[in-house]
Amino acid sequence: MNKENSMAARLTIDLKRYRFRLHKKTLRLLGHPNYIQFIINTEELCIVILGSDKPIPGGTANRIVVDFSIKGREEFCNSTLQAEIVKIYGGLDFQYSYRLSGEIDETNRVAYFYLNTLKKIERRPTDDRKGI
């Protein structure tokens, strides 16, 4: 895996909204998969994302429908996966989002995001108007 690809892989975990956001460059490096599957490796403290063109038998595949010309990311809701990450990592605040950097194995269409790269993202201050 080359340095350019490992720097390009990004995953954001939004604990407040129970969302995972995969950035569009990460999806491109995974070969524009039709489905992805999230796996937690508790031994290596790693989130693994498998990309595939069809659902993976025996797994919980997430369908991807992305318009790469408009959206900069794809979002997935999974409270069970987030609860497991919080349990493993500990000390995460549900008022924040967290970003992980990762590596991509383009040949096997797999992304690896290690929990030791987790960085808290400060939320933008809200304006007096509602909804901002």
N, C-alpha and C. Protein backbone atom coordinates (compact mmCIF):
# COMPACT_ATOMS: atom_id res chain seq x y z
N MET A 1 0.85 -1.17 0.00
CA MET A 1 0.00 0.00 0.00
C MET A 1 0.89 1.23 0.00
N ASN A 2 0.64 2.11 -0.94
CA ASN A 2 1.51 3.28 -1.01
C ASN A 2 1.00 4.39 -0.10
N LYS A 3 1.90 5.35 0.20
CA LYS A 3 1.60 6.42 1.14
C LYS A 3 0.45 7.30 0.66
N GLU A 4 0.33 7.55 -0.64
CA GLU A 4 -0.75 8.39 -1.16
C GLU A 4 -2.12 7.80 -0.81
N ASN A 5 -2.26 6.50 -0.99
CA ASN A 5 -3.54 5.86 -0.69
C ASN A 5 -3.82 5.80 0.80
N SER A 6 -2.78 5.55 1.61
CA SER A 6 -3.01 5.46 3.04
C SER A 6 -3.39 6.82 3.60
N MET A 7 -2.93 7.89 3.01
CA MET A 7 -3.30 9.23 3.48
C MET A 7 -4.69 9.61 2.98
N ALA A 8 -5.15 9.01 1.89
CA ALA A 8 -6.42 9.39 1.29
C ALA A 8 -7.62 8.73 1.97
N ALA A 9 -7.42 7.62 2.64
CA ALA A 9 -8.54 6.91 3.24
C ALA A 9 -9.02 7.64 4.49
N ARG A 10 -10.31 8.00 4.50
CA ARG A 10 -10.89 8.74 5.61
C ARG A 10 -12.25 8.15 5.99
N LEU A 11 -12.47 8.08 7.29
CA LEU A 11 -13.74 7.61 7.83
C LEU A 11 -14.09 8.54 8.97
N THR A 12 -15.32 9.05 8.98
CA THR A 12 -15.79 9.89 10.08
C THR A 12 -16.89 9.15 10.81
N ILE A 13 -16.81 9.17 12.13
CA ILE A 13 -17.83 8.56 12.98
C ILE A 13 -18.52 9.70 13.71
N ASP A 14 -19.81 9.86 13.45
CA ASP A 14 -20.61 10.90 14.09
C ASP A 14 -21.44 10.22 15.17
N LEU A 15 -20.94 10.26 16.41
CA LEU A 15 -21.61 9.56 17.50
C LEU A 15 -22.97 10.16 17.85
N LYS A 16 -23.10 11.46 17.68
CA LYS A 16 -24.36 12.13 18.02
C LYS A 16 -25.50 11.66 17.11
N ARG A 17 -25.19 11.42 15.84
CA ARG A 17 -26.22 11.04 14.86
C ARG A 17 -26.15 9.57 14.45
N TYR A 18 -25.28 8.79 15.10
CA TYR A 18 -25.10 7.36 14.80
C TYR A 18 -24.75 7.12 13.34
N ARG A 19 -23.90 7.96 12.78
CA ARG A 19 -23.55 7.84 11.35
C ARG A 19 -22.06 7.58 11.16
N PHE A 20 -21.81 6.83 10.10
CA PHE A 20 -20.45 6.65 9.59
C PHE A 20 -20.41 7.34 8.25
N ARG A 21 -19.38 8.12 7.99
CA ARG A 21 -19.23 8.80 6.69
C ARG A 21 -17.95 8.33 6.03
N LEU A 22 -18.12 7.75 4.86
CA LEU A 22 -16.97 7.37 4.04
C LEU A 22 -16.78 8.46 3.00
N HIS A 23 -15.60 8.99 2.91
CA HIS A 23 -15.33 10.07 1.97
C HIS A 23 -15.21 9.53 0.55
N LYS A 24 -15.57 10.35 -0.40
CA LYS A 24 -15.68 9.88 -1.79
C LYS A 24 -14.36 9.35 -2.34
N LYS A 25 -13.25 9.94 -1.94
CA LYS A 25 -11.95 9.44 -2.42
C LYS A 25 -11.69 8.02 -1.90
N THR A 26 -12.13 7.76 -0.68
CA THR A 26 -11.99 6.42 -0.11
C THR A 26 -12.80 5.42 -0.93
N LEU A 27 -14.04 5.79 -1.28
CA LEU A 27 -14.87 4.91 -2.10
C LEU A 27 -14.26 4.68 -3.48
N ARG A 28 -13.68 5.72 -4.05
CA ARG A 28 -13.01 5.56 -5.36
C ARG A 28 -11.84 4.59 -5.26
N LEU A 29 -11.05 4.72 -4.18
CA LEU A 29 -9.91 3.83 -4.00
C LEU A 29 -10.34 2.38 -3.75
N LEU A 30 -11.56 2.20 -3.25
CA LEU A 30 -12.10 0.85 -3.08
C LEU A 30 -12.70 0.31 -4.38
N GLY A 31 -12.60 1.07 -5.45
CA GLY A 31 -13.07 0.61 -6.76
C GLY A 31 -14.55 0.82 -6.98
N HIS A 32 -15.12 1.88 -6.43
CA HIS A 32 -16.56 2.18 -6.59
C HIS A 32 -17.42 0.96 -6.27
N PRO A 33 -17.33 0.44 -5.03
CA PRO A 33 -18.12 -0.76 -4.71
C PRO A 33 -19.61 -0.49 -4.68
N ASN A 34 -20.39 -1.51 -5.01
CA ASN A 34 -21.85 -1.42 -4.90
C ASN A 34 -22.30 -1.69 -3.46
N TYR A 35 -21.49 -2.45 -2.72
CA TYR A 35 -21.78 -2.80 -1.34
C TYR A 35 -20.51 -2.68 -0.52
N ILE A 36 -20.69 -2.36 0.77
CA ILE A 36 -19.56 -2.43 1.70
C ILE A 36 -20.03 -3.15 2.95
N GLN A 37 -19.07 -3.72 3.65
CA GLN A 37 -19.36 -4.37 4.92
C GLN A 37 -18.35 -3.88 5.94
N PHE A 38 -18.84 -3.49 7.13
CA PHE A 38 -17.99 -3.04 8.23
C PHE A 38 -17.66 -4.24 9.12
N ILE A 39 -16.40 -4.34 9.51
CA ILE A 39 -15.95 -5.40 10.41
C ILE A 39 -15.05 -4.75 11.45
N ILE A 40 -15.18 -5.17 12.71
CA ILE A 40 -14.29 -4.67 13.76
C ILE A 40 -13.32 -5.79 14.12
N ASN A 41 -12.03 -5.48 14.04
CA ASN A 41 -10.99 -6.41 14.47
C ASN A 41 -10.58 -5.97 15.88
N THR A 42 -11.08 -6.68 16.90
CA THR A 42 -10.82 -6.28 18.28
C THR A 42 -9.38 -6.53 18.72
N GLU A 43 -8.69 -7.46 18.07
CA GLU A 43 -7.31 -7.76 18.43
C GLU A 43 -6.37 -6.64 17.99
N GLU A 44 -6.61 -6.09 16.80
CA GLU A 44 -5.74 -5.04 16.27
C GLU A 44 -6.34 -3.65 16.43
N LEU A 45 -7.51 -3.55 17.09
CA LEU A 45 -8.22 -2.28 17.26
C LEU A 45 -8.35 -1.56 15.93
N CYS A 46 -9.04 -2.23 15.03
CA CYS A 46 -9.13 -1.76 13.64
C CYS A 46 -10.56 -1.94 13.12
N ILE A 47 -11.01 -0.95 12.35
CA ILE A 47 -12.26 -1.08 11.61
C ILE A 47 -11.88 -1.42 10.18
N VAL A 48 -12.43 -2.51 9.68
CA VAL A 48 -12.13 -2.96 8.33
C VAL A 48 -13.39 -2.76 7.49
N ILE A 49 -13.21 -2.23 6.29
CA ILE A 49 -14.33 -2.05 5.37
C ILE A 49 -14.03 -2.84 4.11
N LEU A 50 -14.93 -3.77 3.79
CA LEU A 50 -14.78 -4.59 2.58
C LEU A 50 -15.68 -4.04 1.50
N GLY A 51 -15.14 -3.82 0.32
CA GLY A 51 -15.93 -3.39 -0.82
C GLY A 51 -16.21 -4.56 -1.74
N SER A 52 -17.44 -4.62 -2.30
CA SER A 52 -17.77 -5.70 -3.23
C SER A 52 -18.85 -5.24 -4.20
N ASP A 53 -19.02 -6.01 -5.27
CA ASP A 53 -20.03 -5.69 -6.27
C ASP A 53 -21.37 -6.34 -5.99
N LYS A 54 -21.37 -7.33 -5.10
CA LYS A 54 -22.63 -7.97 -4.72
C LYS A 54 -22.60 -8.21 -3.21
N PRO A 55 -23.77 -8.41 -2.59
CA PRO A 55 -23.79 -8.63 -1.14
C PRO A 55 -22.93 -9.81 -0.74
N ILE A 56 -22.28 -9.68 0.39
CA ILE A 56 -21.40 -10.73 0.89
C ILE A 56 -22.25 -11.74 1.66
N PRO A 57 -22.22 -13.03 1.26
CA PRO A 57 -23.04 -14.04 1.93
C PRO A 57 -22.72 -14.12 3.42
N GLY A 58 -23.78 -14.15 4.24
CA GLY A 58 -23.59 -14.28 5.68
C GLY A 58 -23.23 -12.99 6.38
N GLY A 59 -23.12 -11.90 5.63
CA GLY A 59 -22.75 -10.62 6.22
C GLY A 59 -23.88 -9.62 6.17
N THR A 60 -23.61 -8.47 6.69
CA THR A 60 -24.59 -7.37 6.64
C THR A 60 -24.03 -6.30 5.71
N ALA A 61 -24.32 -6.43 4.45
CA ALA A 61 -23.80 -5.52 3.45
C ALA A 61 -24.63 -4.24 3.40
N ASN A 62 -23.96 -3.13 3.18
CA ASN A 62 -24.62 -1.84 3.03
C ASN A 62 -24.57 -1.45 1.56
N ARG A 63 -25.73 -1.21 0.97
CA ARG A 63 -25.82 -0.81 -0.44
C ARG A 63 -25.34 0.62 -0.59
N ILE A 64 -24.56 0.88 -1.61
CA ILE A 64 -24.05 2.23 -1.87
C ILE A 64 -24.68 2.75 -3.15
N VAL A 65 -25.30 3.91 -3.03
CA VAL A 65 -25.84 4.61 -4.19
C VAL A 65 -25.28 6.02 -4.11
N VAL A 66 -24.24 6.28 -4.87
CA VAL A 66 -23.54 7.55 -4.77
C VAL A 66 -23.53 8.26 -6.11
N ASP A 67 -23.83 9.54 -6.09
CA ASP A 67 -23.63 10.39 -7.25
C ASP A 67 -22.32 11.12 -6.99
N PHE A 68 -21.23 10.62 -7.57
CA PHE A 68 -19.91 11.17 -7.29
C PHE A 68 -19.76 12.61 -7.75
N SER A 69 -20.63 13.10 -8.60
CA SER A 69 -20.52 14.48 -9.05
C SER A 69 -21.10 15.47 -8.04
N ILE A 70 -21.96 14.97 -7.12
CA ILE A 70 -22.64 15.87 -6.19
C ILE A 70 -22.14 15.69 -4.75
N LYS A 71 -22.22 14.51 -4.24
CA LYS A 71 -21.94 14.26 -2.84
C LYS A 71 -20.46 13.98 -2.60
N GLY A 72 -19.95 14.50 -1.50
CA GLY A 72 -18.55 14.27 -1.15
C GLY A 72 -18.35 13.08 -0.25
N ARG A 73 -19.45 12.42 0.14
CA ARG A 73 -19.34 11.30 1.06
C ARG A 73 -20.60 10.43 0.98
N GLU A 74 -20.51 9.28 1.57
CA GLU A 74 -21.67 8.40 1.71
C GLU A 74 -21.85 8.14 3.21
N GLU A 75 -23.08 8.17 3.70
CA GLU A 75 -23.36 8.00 5.11
C GLU A 75 -24.09 6.70 5.37
N PHE A 76 -23.75 6.08 6.51
CA PHE A 76 -24.37 4.83 6.94
C PHE A 76 -24.72 4.97 8.41
N CYS A 77 -25.91 4.54 8.80
CA CYS A 77 -26.33 4.57 10.20
C CYS A 77 -26.17 3.16 10.77
N ASN A 78 -25.48 3.07 11.92
CA ASN A 78 -25.32 1.77 12.56
C ASN A 78 -24.99 1.98 14.04
N SER A 79 -26.01 1.99 14.88
CA SER A 79 -25.80 2.23 16.31
C SER A 79 -25.10 1.05 16.98
N THR A 80 -25.32 -0.16 16.50
CA THR A 80 -24.67 -1.34 17.08
C THR A 80 -23.16 -1.28 16.88
N LEU A 81 -22.74 -0.95 15.68
CA LEU A 81 -21.31 -0.83 15.39
C LEU A 81 -20.69 0.29 16.22
N GLN A 82 -21.37 1.42 16.33
CA GLN A 82 -20.84 2.52 17.14
C GLN A 82 -20.72 2.13 18.60
N ALA A 83 -21.71 1.43 19.13
CA ALA A 83 -21.65 1.00 20.53
C ALA A 83 -20.45 0.09 20.77
N GLU A 84 -20.16 -0.77 19.81
CA GLU A 84 -19.01 -1.67 19.93
C GLU A 84 -17.69 -0.89 19.90
N ILE A 85 -17.61 0.12 19.05
CA ILE A 85 -16.40 0.95 18.98
C ILE A 85 -16.19 1.70 20.29
N VAL A 86 -17.26 2.27 20.84
CA VAL A 86 -17.17 2.99 22.11
C VAL A 86 -16.74 2.03 23.21
N LYS A 87 -17.28 0.83 23.20
CA LYS A 87 -16.91 -0.18 24.20
C LYS A 87 -15.43 -0.54 24.11
N ILE A 88 -14.93 -0.71 22.90
CA ILE A 88 -13.54 -1.09 22.70
C ILE A 88 -12.59 0.07 23.01
N TYR A 89 -12.91 1.24 22.48
CA TYR A 89 -12.01 2.38 22.60
C TYR A 89 -12.19 3.10 23.93
N GLY A 90 -13.43 3.30 24.34
CA GLY A 90 -13.72 3.97 25.61
C GLY A 90 -13.45 5.46 25.57
N GLY A 91 -14.10 6.21 26.46
CA GLY A 91 -13.84 7.63 26.62
C GLY A 91 -14.26 8.52 25.47
N LEU A 92 -15.17 8.08 24.61
CA LEU A 92 -15.61 8.92 23.50
C LEU A 92 -16.85 9.71 23.92
N ASP A 93 -16.91 10.95 23.50
CA ASP A 93 -18.01 11.85 23.84
C ASP A 93 -19.03 11.84 22.70
N PHE A 94 -20.29 11.56 23.03
CA PHE A 94 -21.34 11.46 22.02
C PHE A 94 -21.74 12.81 21.44
N GLN A 95 -21.17 13.90 21.92
CA GLN A 95 -21.46 15.22 21.37
C GLN A 95 -20.52 15.57 20.22
N TYR A 96 -19.57 14.70 19.91
CA TYR A 96 -18.57 14.98 18.89
C TYR A 96 -18.56 13.93 17.79
N SER A 97 -17.88 14.31 16.71
CA SER A 97 -17.56 13.36 15.64
C SER A 97 -16.08 13.06 15.75
N TYR A 98 -15.68 11.94 15.18
CA TYR A 98 -14.28 11.52 15.21
C TYR A 98 -13.87 11.09 13.82
N ARG A 99 -12.64 11.41 13.44
CA ARG A 99 -12.13 11.04 12.13
C ARG A 99 -10.99 10.05 12.29
N LEU A 100 -11.01 9.05 11.42
CA LEU A 100 -9.94 8.07 11.38
C LEU A 100 -9.26 8.13 10.03
N SER A 101 -7.96 7.97 10.03
CA SER A 101 -7.19 7.84 8.79
C SER A 101 -6.91 6.37 8.59
N GLY A 102 -6.80 5.99 7.33
CA GLY A 102 -6.59 4.57 7.08
C GLY A 102 -5.79 4.27 5.84
N GLU A 103 -5.66 2.99 5.60
CA GLU A 103 -4.93 2.47 4.45
C GLU A 103 -5.90 1.66 3.60
N ILE A 104 -5.62 1.64 2.31
CA ILE A 104 -6.48 0.88 1.41
C ILE A 104 -5.64 -0.13 0.63
N ASP A 105 -6.14 -1.35 0.61
CA ASP A 105 -5.58 -2.41 -0.22
C ASP A 105 -6.48 -2.45 -1.46
N GLU A 106 -6.06 -1.73 -2.52
CA GLU A 106 -6.89 -1.61 -3.71
C GLU A 106 -7.13 -2.94 -4.40
N THR A 107 -6.16 -3.82 -4.37
CA THR A 107 -6.28 -5.12 -5.02
C THR A 107 -7.43 -5.93 -4.42
N ASN A 108 -7.52 -5.94 -3.10
CA ASN A 108 -8.55 -6.73 -2.41
C ASN A 108 -9.77 -5.90 -2.02
N ARG A 109 -9.75 -4.59 -2.36
CA ARG A 109 -10.85 -3.68 -2.07
C ARG A 109 -11.21 -3.66 -0.58
N VAL A 110 -10.17 -3.46 0.23
CA VAL A 110 -10.31 -3.44 1.68
C VAL A 110 -9.68 -2.16 2.23
N ALA A 111 -10.38 -1.51 3.17
CA ALA A 111 -9.84 -0.34 3.86
C ALA A 111 -9.65 -0.70 5.32
N TYR A 112 -8.53 -0.24 5.89
CA TYR A 112 -8.20 -0.49 7.29
C TYR A 112 -8.11 0.84 8.01
N PHE A 113 -8.89 1.01 9.08
CA PHE A 113 -8.87 2.22 9.88
C PHE A 113 -8.55 1.84 11.32
N TYR A 114 -7.37 2.23 11.79
CA TYR A 114 -6.93 1.87 13.14
C TYR A 114 -7.42 2.90 14.15
N LEU A 115 -7.93 2.42 15.28
CA LEU A 115 -8.49 3.30 16.29
C LEU A 115 -7.45 4.24 16.91
N ASN A 116 -6.15 3.93 16.78
CA ASN A 116 -5.14 4.84 17.31
C ASN A 116 -4.99 6.11 16.45
N THR A 117 -5.66 6.17 15.30
CA THR A 117 -5.64 7.39 14.47
C THR A 117 -6.85 8.28 14.75
N LEU A 118 -7.70 7.88 15.70
CA LEU A 118 -8.93 8.59 16.01
C LEU A 118 -8.64 10.01 16.50
N LYS A 119 -9.29 10.99 15.86
CA LYS A 119 -9.13 12.40 16.24
C LYS A 119 -10.50 13.04 16.39
N LYS A 120 -10.68 13.77 17.49
CA LYS A 120 -11.95 14.44 17.75
C LYS A 120 -12.10 15.63 16.81
N ILE A 121 -13.29 15.79 16.27
CA ILE A 121 -13.60 16.93 15.39
C ILE A 121 -14.51 17.86 16.18
N GLU A 122 -14.08 19.08 16.36
CA GLU A 122 -14.90 20.07 17.05
C GLU A 122 -16.06 20.45 16.13
N ARG A 123 -17.24 20.54 16.69
CA ARG A 123 -18.41 20.97 15.92
C ARG A 123 -18.33 22.46 15.70
N ARG A 124 -18.79 22.88 14.52
CA ARG A 124 -18.84 24.31 14.23
C ARG A 124 -19.85 24.98 15.15
N PRO A 125 -19.53 26.18 15.63
CA PRO A 125 -20.50 26.87 16.49
C PRO A 125 -21.77 27.17 15.71
N THR A 126 -22.89 27.10 16.41
CA THR A 126 -24.16 27.37 15.75
C THR A 126 -24.44 28.85 15.72
N ASP A 127 -25.22 29.23 14.80
CA ASP A 127 -25.62 30.61 14.57
C ASP A 127 -26.92 30.82 15.34
N ASP A 128 -27.41 32.05 15.44
CA ASP A 128 -28.68 32.33 16.11
C ASP A 128 -29.87 31.72 15.37
N ARG A 129 -29.68 31.47 14.06
CA ARG A 129 -30.77 30.88 13.27
C ARG A 129 -30.86 29.40 13.57
N LYS A 130 -32.08 28.86 13.52
CA LYS A 130 -32.27 27.43 13.76
C LYS A 130 -31.83 26.64 12.55
N GLY A 131 -31.33 25.44 12.82
CA GLY A 131 -30.96 24.53 11.73
C GLY A 131 -29.55 24.73 11.20
N ILE A 132 -28.78 25.58 11.84
CA ILE A 132 -27.39 25.78 11.36
C ILE A 132 -26.46 25.18 12.37
